[in-house]
Amino acid sequence: SCSSSDGSTYYADSVKGRFTASRDNAKNTANLQMNSLKP
């Protein structure tokens, strides 16, 4: 994935609908939530 500082986020086709990228600005931290994981 790529999350631009303009606010747009893009995902690889292989993870669309399953992974979510986000930011927690208060903690100066980026997160990647991964659901429905596959081998």
All heavy atoms as atom14 arrays in JSON, in Angstrom:
{
  "sequence": "SCSSSDGSTYYADSVKGRFTASRDNAKNTANLQMNSLKP",
  "atom14_mask": [
    [1, 1, 1, 1, 1, 1, 0, 0, 0, 0, 0, 0, 0, 0],
    [1, 1, 1, 1, 1, 1, 0, 0, 0, 0, 0, 0, 0, 0],
    [1, 1, 1, 1, 1, 1, 0, 0, 0, 0, 0, 0, 0, 0],
    [1, 1, 1, 1, 1, 1, 0, 0, 0, 0, 0, 0, 0, 0],
    [1, 1, 1, 1, 1, 1, 0, 0, 0, 0, 0, 0, 0, 0],
    [1, 1, 1, 1, 1, 1, 1, 1, 0, 0, 0, 0, 0, 0],
    [1, 1, 1, 1, 0, 0, 0, 0, 0, 0, 0, 0, 0, 0],
    [1, 1, 1, 1, 1, 1, 0, 0, 0, 0, 0, 0, 0, 0],
    [1, 1, 1, 1, 1, 1, 1, 0, 0, 0, 0, 0, 0, 0],
    [1, 1, 1, 1, 1, 1, 1, 1, 1, 1, 1, 1, 0, 0],
    [1, 1, 1, 1, 1, 1, 1, 1, 1, 1, 1, 1, 0, 0],
    [1, 1, 1, 1, 1, 0, 0, 0, 0, 0, 0, 0, 0, 0],
    [1, 1, 1, 1, 1, 1, 1, 1, 0, 0, 0, 0, 0, 0],
    [1, 1, 1, 1, 1, 1, 0, 0, 0, 0, 0, 0, 0, 0],
    [1, 1, 1, 1, 1, 1, 1, 0, 0, 0, 0, 0, 0, 0],
    [1, 1, 1, 1, 1, 1, 1, 1, 1, 0, 0, 0, 0, 0],
    [1, 1, 1, 1, 0, 0, 0, 0, 0, 0, 0, 0, 0, 0],
    [1, 1, 1, 1, 1, 1, 1, 1, 1, 1, 1, 0, 0, 0],
    [1, 1, 1, 1, 1, 1, 1, 1, 1, 1, 1, 0, 0, 0],
    [1, 1, 1, 1, 1, 1, 1, 0, 0, 0, 0, 0, 0, 0],
    [1, 1, 1, 1, 1, 0, 0, 0, 0, 0, 0, 0, 0, 0],
    [1, 1, 1, 1, 1, 1, 0, 0, 0, 0, 0, 0, 0, 0],
    [1, 1, 1, 1, 1, 1, 1, 1, 1, 1, 1, 0, 0, 0],
    [1, 1, 1, 1, 1, 1, 1, 1, 0, 0, 0, 0, 0, 0],
    [1, 1, 1, 1, 1, 1, 1, 1, 0, 0, 0, 0, 0, 0],
    [1, 1, 1, 1, 1, 0, 0, 0, 0, 0, 0, 0, 0, 0],
    [1, 1, 1, 1, 1, 1, 1, 1, 1, 0, 0, 0, 0, 0],
    [1, 1, 1, 1, 1, 1, 1, 1, 0, 0, 0, 0, 0, 0],
    [1, 1, 1, 1, 1, 1, 1, 0, 0, 0, 0, 0, 0, 0],
    [1, 1, 1, 1, 1, 0, 0, 0, 0, 0, 0, 0, 0, 0],
    [1, 1, 1, 1, 1, 1, 1, 1, 0, 0, 0, 0, 0, 0],
    [1, 1, 1, 1, 1, 1, 1, 1, 0, 0, 0, 0, 0, 0],
    [1, 1, 1, 1, 1, 1, 1, 1, 1, 0, 0, 0, 0, 0],
    [1, 1, 1, 1, 1, 1, 1, 1, 0, 0, 0, 0, 0, 0],
    [1, 1, 1, 1, 1, 1, 1, 1, 0, 0, 0, 0, 0, 0],
    [1, 1, 1, 1, 1, 1, 0, 0, 0, 0, 0, 0, 0, 0],
    [1, 1, 1, 1, 1, 1, 1, 1, 0, 0, 0, 0, 0, 0],
    [1, 1, 1, 1, 1, 1, 1, 1, 1, 0, 0, 0, 0, 0],
    [1, 1, 1, 1, 1, 1, 1, 0, 0, 0, 0, 0, 0, 0]
  ],
  "atom14_positions": [
    [[0.84, -1.18, 0.0], [0.0, 0.0, 0.0], [0.88, 1.24, 0.0], [2.06, 1.18, 0.31], [-0.94, 0.02, 1.21], [-0.22, 0.28, 2.41], [0.0, 0.0, 0.0], [0.0, 0.0, 0.0], [0.0, 0.0, 0.0], [0.0, 0.0, 0.0], [0.0, 0.0, 0.0], [0.0, 0.0, 0.0], [0.0, 0.0, 0.0], [0.0, 0.0, 0.0]],
    [[0.26, 2.35, -0.34], [0.91, 3.65, -0.26], [-0.12, 4.67, 0.19], [-1.19, 4.79, -0.43], [1.52, 4.05, -1.6], [2.25, 5.7, -1.6], [0.0, 0.0, 0.0], [0.0, 0.0, 0.0], [0.0, 0.0, 0.0], [0.0, 0.0, 0.0], [0.0, 0.0, 0.0], [0.0, 0.0, 0.0], [0.0, 0.0, 0.0], [0.0, 0.0, 0.0]],
    [[0.2, 5.4, 1.26], [-0.67, 6.45, 1.78], [0.05, 7.78, 1.63], [1.01, 8.05, 2.35], [-1.02, 6.2, 3.24], [-1.7, 4.98, 3.41], [0.0, 0.0, 0.0], [0.0, 0.0, 0.0], [0.0, 0.0, 0.0], [0.0, 0.0, 0.0], [0.0, 0.0, 0.0], [0.0, 0.0, 0.0], [0.0, 0.0, 0.0], [0.0, 0.0, 0.0]],
    [[-0.4, 8.59, 0.7], [0.26, 9.86, 0.44], [-0.09, 10.88, 1.52], [-1.12, 10.77, 2.2], [-0.12, 10.4, -0.93], [-1.44, 10.9, -0.93], [0.0, 0.0, 0.0], [0.0, 0.0, 0.0], [0.0, 0.0, 0.0], [0.0, 0.0, 0.0], [0.0, 0.0, 0.0], [0.0, 0.0, 0.0], [0.0, 0.0, 0.0], [0.0, 0.0, 0.0]],
    [[0.77, 11.87, 1.67], [0.5, 12.93, 2.63], [-0.66, 13.82, 2.2], [-1.15, 14.63, 2.99], [1.76, 13.78, 2.86], [2.2, 14.37, 1.65], [0.0, 0.0, 0.0], [0.0, 0.0, 0.0], [0.0, 0.0, 0.0], [0.0, 0.0, 0.0], [0.0, 0.0, 0.0], [0.0, 0.0, 0.0], [0.0, 0.0, 0.0], [0.0, 0.0, 0.0]],
    [[-1.11, 13.68, 0.94], [-2.3, 14.37, 0.46], [-3.58, 13.73, 0.96], [-4.66, 14.32, 0.82], [-2.33, 14.41, -1.06], [-1.28, 15.33, -1.65], [-0.82, 16.24, -0.94], [-0.93, 15.14, -2.83], [0.0, 0.0, 0.0], [0.0, 0.0, 0.0], [0.0, 0.0, 0.0], [0.0, 0.0, 0.0], [0.0, 0.0, 0.0], [0.0, 0.0, 0.0]],
    [[-3.49, 12.5, 1.5], [-4.66, 11.84, 2.05], [-5.2, 10.69, 1.23], [-6.2, 10.08, 1.61], [0.0, 0.0, 0.0], [0.0, 0.0, 0.0], [0.0, 0.0, 0.0], [0.0, 0.0, 0.0], [0.0, 0.0, 0.0], [0.0, 0.0, 0.0], [0.0, 0.0, 0.0], [0.0, 0.0, 0.0], [0.0, 0.0, 0.0], [0.0, 0.0, 0.0]],
    [[-4.56, 10.35, 0.12], [-5.0, 9.24, -0.72], [-4.24, 7.97, -0.37], [-3.04, 8.02, -0.08], [-4.79, 9.57, -2.2], [-5.55, 10.71, -2.57], [0.0, 0.0, 0.0], [0.0, 0.0, 0.0], [0.0, 0.0, 0.0], [0.0, 0.0, 0.0], [0.0, 0.0, 0.0], [0.0, 0.0, 0.0], [0.0, 0.0, 0.0], [0.0, 0.0, 0.0]],
    [[-4.93, 6.84, -0.41], [-4.32, 5.55, -0.12], [-4.58, 4.59, -1.27], [-5.7, 4.51, -1.78], [-4.86, 4.95, 1.19], [-4.6, 5.85, 2.27], [-4.2, 3.62, 1.48], [0.0, 0.0, 0.0], [0.0, 0.0, 0.0], [0.0, 0.0, 0.0], [0.0, 0.0, 0.0], [0.0, 0.0, 0.0], [0.0, 0.0, 0.0], [0.0, 0.0, 0.0]],
    [[-3.54, 3.86, -1.66], [-3.63, 2.91, -2.76], [-3.17, 1.54, -2.25], [-2.27, 1.45, -1.42], [-2.75, 3.35, -3.93], [-3.04, 4.76, -4.39], [-2.35, 5.84, -3.86], [-4.02, 5.01, -5.33], [-2.63, 7.14, -4.25], [-4.32, 6.3, -5.74], [-3.61, 7.36, -5.2], [-3.89, 8.64, -5.61], [0.0, 0.0, 0.0], [0.0, 0.0, 0.0]],
    [[-3.8, 0.48, -2.77], [-3.51, -0.87, -2.34], [-3.19, -1.76, -3.54], [-3.75, -1.59, -4.63], [-4.69, -1.49, -1.6], [-5.07, -0.77, -0.32], [-6.05, 0.21, -0.31], [-4.45, -1.1, 0.88], [-6.4, 0.87, 0.86], [-4.79, -0.45, 2.05], [-5.76, 0.53, 2.04], [-6.11, 1.18, 3.21], [0.0, 0.0, 0.0], [0.0, 0.0, 0.0]],
    [[-2.31, -2.72, -3.32], [-2.09, -3.75, -4.31], [-3.36, -4.58, -4.48], [-4.12, -4.78, -3.53], [-0.93, -4.66, -3.9], [0.0, 0.0, 0.0], [0.0, 0.0, 0.0], [0.0, 0.0, 0.0], [0.0, 0.0, 0.0], [0.0, 0.0, 0.0], [0.0, 0.0, 0.0], [0.0, 0.0, 0.0], [0.0, 0.0, 0.0], [0.0, 0.0, 0.0]],
    [[-3.6, -5.06, -5.7], [-4.81, -5.84, -5.97], [-4.92, -7.05, -5.05], [-6.03, -7.45, -4.67], [-4.83, -6.3, -7.43], [-5.09, -5.16, -8.4], [-5.6, -4.11, -7.97], [-4.79, -5.34, -9.59], [0.0, 0.0, 0.0], [0.0, 0.0, 0.0], [0.0, 0.0, 0.0], [0.0, 0.0, 0.0], [0.0, 0.0, 0.0], [0.0, 0.0, 0.0]],
    [[-3.8, -7.64, -4.69], [-3.8, -8.85, -3.89], [-4.3, -8.65, -2.46], [-4.66, -9.62, -1.79], [-2.39, -9.46, -3.85], [-1.46, -8.53, -3.32], [0.0, 0.0, 0.0], [0.0, 0.0, 0.0], [0.0, 0.0, 0.0], [0.0, 0.0, 0.0], [0.0, 0.0, 0.0], [0.0, 0.0, 0.0], [0.0, 0.0, 0.0], [0.0, 0.0, 0.0]],
    [[-4.35, -7.39, -1.99], [-4.76, -7.13, -0.61], [-5.99, -6.24, -0.51], [-6.48, -6.0, 0.6], [-3.61, -6.53, 0.23], [-2.37, -7.4, 0.13], [-3.31, -5.1, -0.21], [0.0, 0.0, 0.0], [0.0, 0.0, 0.0], [0.0, 0.0, 0.0], [0.0, 0.0, 0.0], [0.0, 0.0, 0.0], [0.0, 0.0, 0.0], [0.0, 0.0, 0.0]],
    [[-6.5, -5.75, -1.62], [-7.67, -4.87, -1.59], [-8.85, -5.56, -0.91], [-9.15, -6.71, -1.17], [-8.06, -4.46, -3.0], [-7.18, -3.38, -3.6], [-7.66, -3.0, -5.0], [-6.79, -1.92, -5.6], [-7.21, -1.58, -6.98], [0.0, 0.0, 0.0], [0.0, 0.0, 0.0], [0.0, 0.0, 0.0], [0.0, 0.0, 0.0], [0.0, 0.0, 0.0]],
    [[-9.51, -4.82, -0.03], [-10.64, -5.35, 0.69], [-10.29, -6.11, 1.94], [-11.18, -6.42, 2.74], [0.0, 0.0, 0.0], [0.0, 0.0, 0.0], [0.0, 0.0, 0.0], [0.0, 0.0, 0.0], [0.0, 0.0, 0.0], [0.0, 0.0, 0.0], [0.0, 0.0, 0.0], [0.0, 0.0, 0.0], [0.0, 0.0, 0.0], [0.0, 0.0, 0.0]],
    [[-9.01, -6.42, 2.13], [-8.56, -7.17, 3.3], [-7.64, -6.36, 4.22], [-7.67, -6.54, 5.43], [-7.85, -8.46, 2.88], [-8.72, -9.4, 2.05], [-8.03, -10.75, 1.84], [-6.79, -10.61, 1.08], [-5.59, -10.96, 1.53], [-5.47, -11.49, 2.76], [-4.52, -10.82, 0.77], [0.0, 0.0, 0.0], [0.0, 0.0, 0.0], [0.0, 0.0, 0.0]],
    [[-6.81, -5.51, 3.63], [-5.84, -4.72, 4.39], [-6.28, -3.26, 4.42], [-6.83, -2.75, 3.44], [-4.45, -4.78, 3.76], [-3.76, -6.12, 3.88], [-4.42, -7.26, 4.28], [-2.41, -6.21, 3.55], [-3.77, -8.48, 4.37], [-1.75, -7.43, 3.64], [-2.43, -8.56, 4.05], [0.0, 0.0, 0.0], [0.0, 0.0, 0.0], [0.0, 0.0, 0.0]],
    [[-6.01, -2.58, 5.54], [-6.32, -1.17, 5.68], [-5.13, -0.45, 6.3], [-4.69, -0.81, 7.4], [-7.56, -0.94, 6.55], [-8.68, -1.63, 5.99], [-7.89, 0.55, 6.61], [0.0, 0.0, 0.0], [0.0, 0.0, 0.0], [0.0, 0.0, 0.0], [0.0, 0.0, 0.0], [0.0, 0.0, 0.0], [0.0, 0.0, 0.0], [0.0, 0.0, 0.0]],
    [[-4.61, 0.55, 5.61], [-3.52, 1.37, 6.12], [-4.09, 2.63, 6.77], [-5.04, 3.22, 6.26], [-2.56, 1.74, 5.0], [0.0, 0.0, 0.0], [0.0, 0.0, 0.0], [0.0, 0.0, 0.0], [0.0, 0.0, 0.0], [0.0, 0.0, 0.0], [0.0, 0.0, 0.0], [0.0, 0.0, 0.0], [0.0, 0.0, 0.0], [0.0, 0.0, 0.0]],
    [[-3.49, 3.05, 7.88], [-3.97, 4.22, 8.59], [-2.82, 4.89, 9.32], [-1.71, 4.36, 9.38], [-5.08, 3.84, 9.58], [-4.6, 2.95, 10.57], [0.0, 0.0, 0.0], [0.0, 0.0, 0.0], [0.0, 0.0, 0.0], [0.0, 0.0, 0.0], [0.0, 0.0, 0.0], [0.0, 0.0, 0.0], [0.0, 0.0, 0.0], [0.0, 0.0, 0.0]],
    [[-3.12, 6.06, 9.88], [-2.15, 6.81, 10.66], [-2.75, 7.2, 12.0], [-3.95, 7.45, 12.11], [-1.72, 8.1, 9.96], [-1.11, 7.95, 8.59], [-0.89, 9.33, 7.99], [-0.43, 9.24, 6.61], [0.73, 9.71, 6.18], [1.57, 10.31, 7.03], [1.05, 9.6, 4.9], [0.0, 0.0, 0.0], [0.0, 0.0, 0.0], [0.0, 0.0, 0.0]],
    [[-1.92, 7.25, 13.01], [-2.27, 7.82, 14.3], [-1.3, 8.97, 14.54], [-0.19, 8.77, 15.04], [-2.18, 6.78, 15.41], [-2.7, 7.28, 16.74], [-2.73, 8.51, 16.96], [-3.08, 6.45, 17.58], [0.0, 0.0, 0.0], [0.0, 0.0, 0.0], [0.0, 0.0, 0.0], [0.0, 0.0, 0.0], [0.0, 0.0, 0.0], [0.0, 0.0, 0.0]],
    [[-1.71, 10.16, 14.16], [-0.81, 11.3, 14.21], [-0.38, 11.64, 15.63], [0.75, 12.1, 15.85], [-1.46, 12.52, 13.56], [-1.59, 12.38, 12.06], [-0.78, 11.73, 11.41], [-2.62, 13.01, 11.49], [0.0, 0.0, 0.0], [0.0, 0.0, 0.0], [0.0, 0.0, 0.0], [0.0, 0.0, 0.0], [0.0, 0.0, 0.0], [0.0, 0.0, 0.0]],
    [[-1.26, 11.44, 16.61], [-0.92, 11.74, 17.99], [0.23, 10.88, 18.49], [1.01, 11.32, 19.33], [-2.14, 11.56, 18.89], [0.0, 0.0, 0.0], [0.0, 0.0, 0.0], [0.0, 0.0, 0.0], [0.0, 0.0, 0.0], [0.0, 0.0, 0.0], [0.0, 0.0, 0.0], [0.0, 0.0, 0.0], [0.0, 0.0, 0.0], [0.0, 0.0, 0.0]],
    [[0.33, 9.67, 17.98], [1.4, 8.75, 18.38], [2.54, 8.7, 17.37], [3.5, 7.95, 17.57], [0.85, 7.35, 18.58], [-0.18, 7.25, 19.7], [-0.68, 5.82, 19.86], [-1.67, 5.71, 20.99], [-2.19, 4.33, 21.15], [0.0, 0.0, 0.0], [0.0, 0.0, 0.0], [0.0, 0.0, 0.0], [0.0, 0.0, 0.0], [0.0, 0.0, 0.0]],
    [[2.44, 9.49, 16.28], [3.45, 9.49, 15.23], [3.71, 8.07, 14.73], [4.85, 7.63, 14.56], [4.75, 10.13, 15.73], [5.6, 10.71, 14.61], [5.09, 11.08, 13.56], [6.9, 10.78, 14.84], [0.0, 0.0, 0.0], [0.0, 0.0, 0.0], [0.0, 0.0, 0.0], [0.0, 0.0, 0.0], [0.0, 0.0, 0.0], [0.0, 0.0, 0.0]],
    [[2.61, 7.35, 14.46], [2.66, 5.94, 14.14], [1.77, 5.63, 12.94], [0.68, 6.2, 12.8], [2.2, 5.09, 15.34], [3.09, 5.31, 16.44], [2.19, 3.61, 15.01], [0.0, 0.0, 0.0], [0.0, 0.0, 0.0], [0.0, 0.0, 0.0], [0.0, 0.0, 0.0], [0.0, 0.0, 0.0], [0.0, 0.0, 0.0], [0.0, 0.0, 0.0]],
    [[2.23, 4.73, 12.09], [1.42, 4.2, 11.0], [1.04, 2.76, 11.31], [1.79, 2.04, 11.97], [2.19, 4.26, 9.68], [0.0, 0.0, 0.0], [0.0, 0.0, 0.0], [0.0, 0.0, 0.0], [0.0, 0.0, 0.0], [0.0, 0.0, 0.0], [0.0, 0.0, 0.0], [0.0, 0.0, 0.0], [0.0, 0.0, 0.0], [0.0, 0.0, 0.0]],
    [[-0.13, 2.35, 10.84], [-0.63, 1.01, 11.11], [-1.1, 0.33, 9.83], [-1.54, 0.99, 8.89], [-1.8, 1.06, 12.1], [-1.41, 1.67, 13.43], [-0.58, 1.13, 14.16], [-2.02, 2.8, 13.76], [0.0, 0.0, 0.0], [0.0, 0.0, 0.0], [0.0, 0.0, 0.0], [0.0, 0.0, 0.0], [0.0, 0.0, 0.0], [0.0, 0.0, 0.0]],
    [[-1.01, -0.98, 9.82], [-1.54, -1.79, 8.73], [-2.39, -2.89, 9.35], [-1.85, -3.82, 9.97], [-0.44, -2.38, 7.87], [-0.9, -3.18, 6.65], [-1.55, -2.25, 5.63], [0.25, -3.94, 6.02], [0.0, 0.0, 0.0], [0.0, 0.0, 0.0], [0.0, 0.0, 0.0], [0.0, 0.0, 0.0], [0.0, 0.0, 0.0], [0.0, 0.0, 0.0]],
    [[-3.71, -2.78, 9.21], [-4.63, -3.8, 9.69], [-4.8, -4.85, 8.6], [-5.2, -4.52, 7.47], [-5.98, -3.19, 10.04], [-7.02, -4.18, 10.53], [-6.67, -4.79, 11.86], [-6.26, -4.08, 12.78], [-6.81, -6.1, 11.99], [0.0, 0.0, 0.0], [0.0, 0.0, 0.0], [0.0, 0.0, 0.0], [0.0, 0.0, 0.0], [0.0, 0.0, 0.0]],
    [[-4.51, -6.1, 8.91], [-4.55, -7.19, 7.95], [-5.6, -8.19, 8.4], [-5.46, -8.82, 9.45], [-3.18, -7.86, 7.82], [-2.06, -6.89, 7.48], [-0.48, -7.72, 7.19], [-0.18, -8.42, 8.81], [0.0, 0.0, 0.0], [0.0, 0.0, 0.0], [0.0, 0.0, 0.0], [0.0, 0.0, 0.0], [0.0, 0.0, 0.0], [0.0, 0.0, 0.0]],
    [[-6.66, -8.34, 7.61], [-7.74, -9.27, 7.91], [-7.82, -10.36, 6.85], [-7.26, -10.23, 5.76], [-9.08, -8.52, 7.97], [-9.13, -7.47, 9.05], [-8.54, -7.63, 10.12], [-9.86, -6.38, 8.79], [0.0, 0.0, 0.0], [0.0, 0.0, 0.0], [0.0, 0.0, 0.0], [0.0, 0.0, 0.0], [0.0, 0.0, 0.0], [0.0, 0.0, 0.0]],
    [[-8.53, -11.42, 7.18], [-8.74, -12.54, 6.25], [-7.42, -13.01, 5.65], [-7.3, -13.2, 4.44], [-9.73, -12.13, 5.15], [-10.97, -11.74, 5.7], [0.0, 0.0, 0.0], [0.0, 0.0, 0.0], [0.0, 0.0, 0.0], [0.0, 0.0, 0.0], [0.0, 0.0, 0.0], [0.0, 0.0, 0.0], [0.0, 0.0, 0.0], [0.0, 0.0, 0.0]],
    [[-6.44, -13.22, 6.5], [-5.1, -13.54, 6.03], [-5.04, -14.9, 5.35], [-5.74, -15.84, 5.75], [-4.12, -13.48, 7.19], [-3.75, -12.06, 7.62], [-3.14, -12.06, 9.01], [-2.77, -11.45, 6.61], [0.0, 0.0, 0.0], [0.0, 0.0, 0.0], [0.0, 0.0, 0.0], [0.0, 0.0, 0.0], [0.0, 0.0, 0.0], [0.0, 0.0, 0.0]],
    [[-4.21, -14.97, 4.33], [-4.02, -16.17, 3.53], [-2.57, -16.62, 3.63], [-1.68, -15.82, 3.9], [-4.35, -15.89, 2.06], [-5.74, -15.31, 1.82], [-5.92, -14.93, 0.36], [-7.28, -14.33, 0.1], [-7.44, -13.95, -1.33], [0.0, 0.0, 0.0], [0.0, 0.0, 0.0], [0.0, 0.0, 0.0], [0.0, 0.0, 0.0], [0.0, 0.0, 0.0]],
    [[-2.3, -17.91, 3.38], [-0.9, -18.36, 3.4], [0.01, -17.57, 2.47], [1.18, -17.36, 2.79], [-1.01, -19.82, 2.96], [-2.36, -20.24, 3.43], [-3.24, -19.03, 3.23], [0.0, 0.0, 0.0], [0.0, 0.0, 0.0], [0.0, 0.0, 0.0], [0.0, 0.0, 0.0], [0.0, 0.0, 0.0], [0.0, 0.0, 0.0], [0.0, 0.0, 0.0]]
  ]
}
